[in-house]
Amino acid sequence: MKIWKLVAGILSIIFSVIVFFQSMLVGTANTLSSNGEVGEVPVYLFLSLCFQGVLFQLS
């Protein structure tokens, strides 16, 4: 069980970083293109928090 907590924590950090940088790049691209789209940062933040909550409940 101790190993699973470590693996879940590491995966949570890795996925959070991936989501953060992907959202940041998409937001930057939308800003540079000035196409009027609103970034999807709130959606990715919500999904990231949900994923972290599930991992927390499993550990």
Protein backbone atom coordinates (compact mmCIF):
# COMPACT_ATOMS: atom_id res chain seq x y z
CA MET A 1 0.00 0.00 0.00
CA LYS A 2 2.91 2.32 0.70
CA ILE A 3 4.25 1.85 -2.82
CA TRP A 4 0.83 2.64 -4.34
CA LYS A 5 0.67 5.93 -2.42
CA LEU A 6 4.09 6.89 -3.77
CA VAL A 7 3.18 5.92 -7.34
CA ALA A 8 -0.19 7.73 -7.13
CA GLY A 9 1.51 10.88 -5.82
CA ILE A 10 4.13 10.85 -8.55
CA LEU A 11 1.50 10.27 -11.26
CA SER A 12 -0.63 13.06 -9.85
CA ILE A 13 2.27 15.50 -9.99
CA ILE A 14 3.25 14.45 -13.51
CA PHE A 15 -0.30 14.73 -14.88
CA SER A 16 -0.83 18.07 -13.15
CA VAL A 17 2.33 19.48 -14.73
CA ILE A 18 1.33 18.17 -18.16
CA VAL A 19 -2.15 19.69 -17.88
CA PHE A 20 -0.73 22.99 -16.65
CA PHE A 21 1.76 23.38 -19.49
CA GLN A 22 -0.72 22.24 -22.13
CA SER A 23 -3.27 24.76 -20.91
CA MET A 24 -0.66 27.48 -20.77
CA LEU A 25 0.44 26.81 -24.35
CA VAL A 26 -3.13 26.74 -25.66
CA GLY A 27 -3.95 29.98 -23.87
CA THR A 28 -0.84 31.63 -25.26
CA ALA A 29 -1.65 30.43 -28.79
CA ASN A 30 -5.22 31.75 -28.52
CA THR A 31 -3.93 35.10 -27.29
CA LEU A 32 -1.41 35.37 -30.12
CA SER A 33 -3.91 34.39 -32.81
CA SER A 34 -6.59 36.81 -31.51
CA ASN A 35 -9.36 34.56 -32.75
CA GLY A 36 -11.71 35.43 -29.91
CA GLU A 37 -11.72 31.99 -28.33
CA VAL A 38 -11.78 31.72 -24.59
CA GLY A 39 -9.11 29.44 -23.17
CA GLU A 40 -10.02 26.09 -21.73
CA VAL A 41 -7.95 26.61 -18.60
CA PRO A 42 -10.91 26.36 -16.18
CA VAL A 43 -11.96 23.03 -17.67
CA TYR A 44 -8.48 21.55 -17.38
CA LEU A 45 -8.07 22.91 -13.87
CA PHE A 46 -11.38 21.33 -12.84
CA LEU A 47 -10.45 17.97 -14.40
CA SER A 48 -7.03 18.08 -12.76
CA LEU A 49 -8.56 18.75 -9.35
CA CYS A 50 -11.08 15.93 -9.85
CA PHE A 51 -8.30 13.55 -10.82
CA GLN A 52 -6.25 14.53 -7.79
CA GLY A 53 -9.29 14.03 -5.55
CA VAL A 54 -9.80 10.53 -6.91
CA LEU A 55 -6.14 9.68 -6.35
CA PHE A 56 -6.37 11.07 -2.83
CA GLN A 57 -9.39 8.88 -2.08
CA LEU A 58 -7.61 5.81 -3.43
CA SER A 59 -4.54 6.34 -1.28
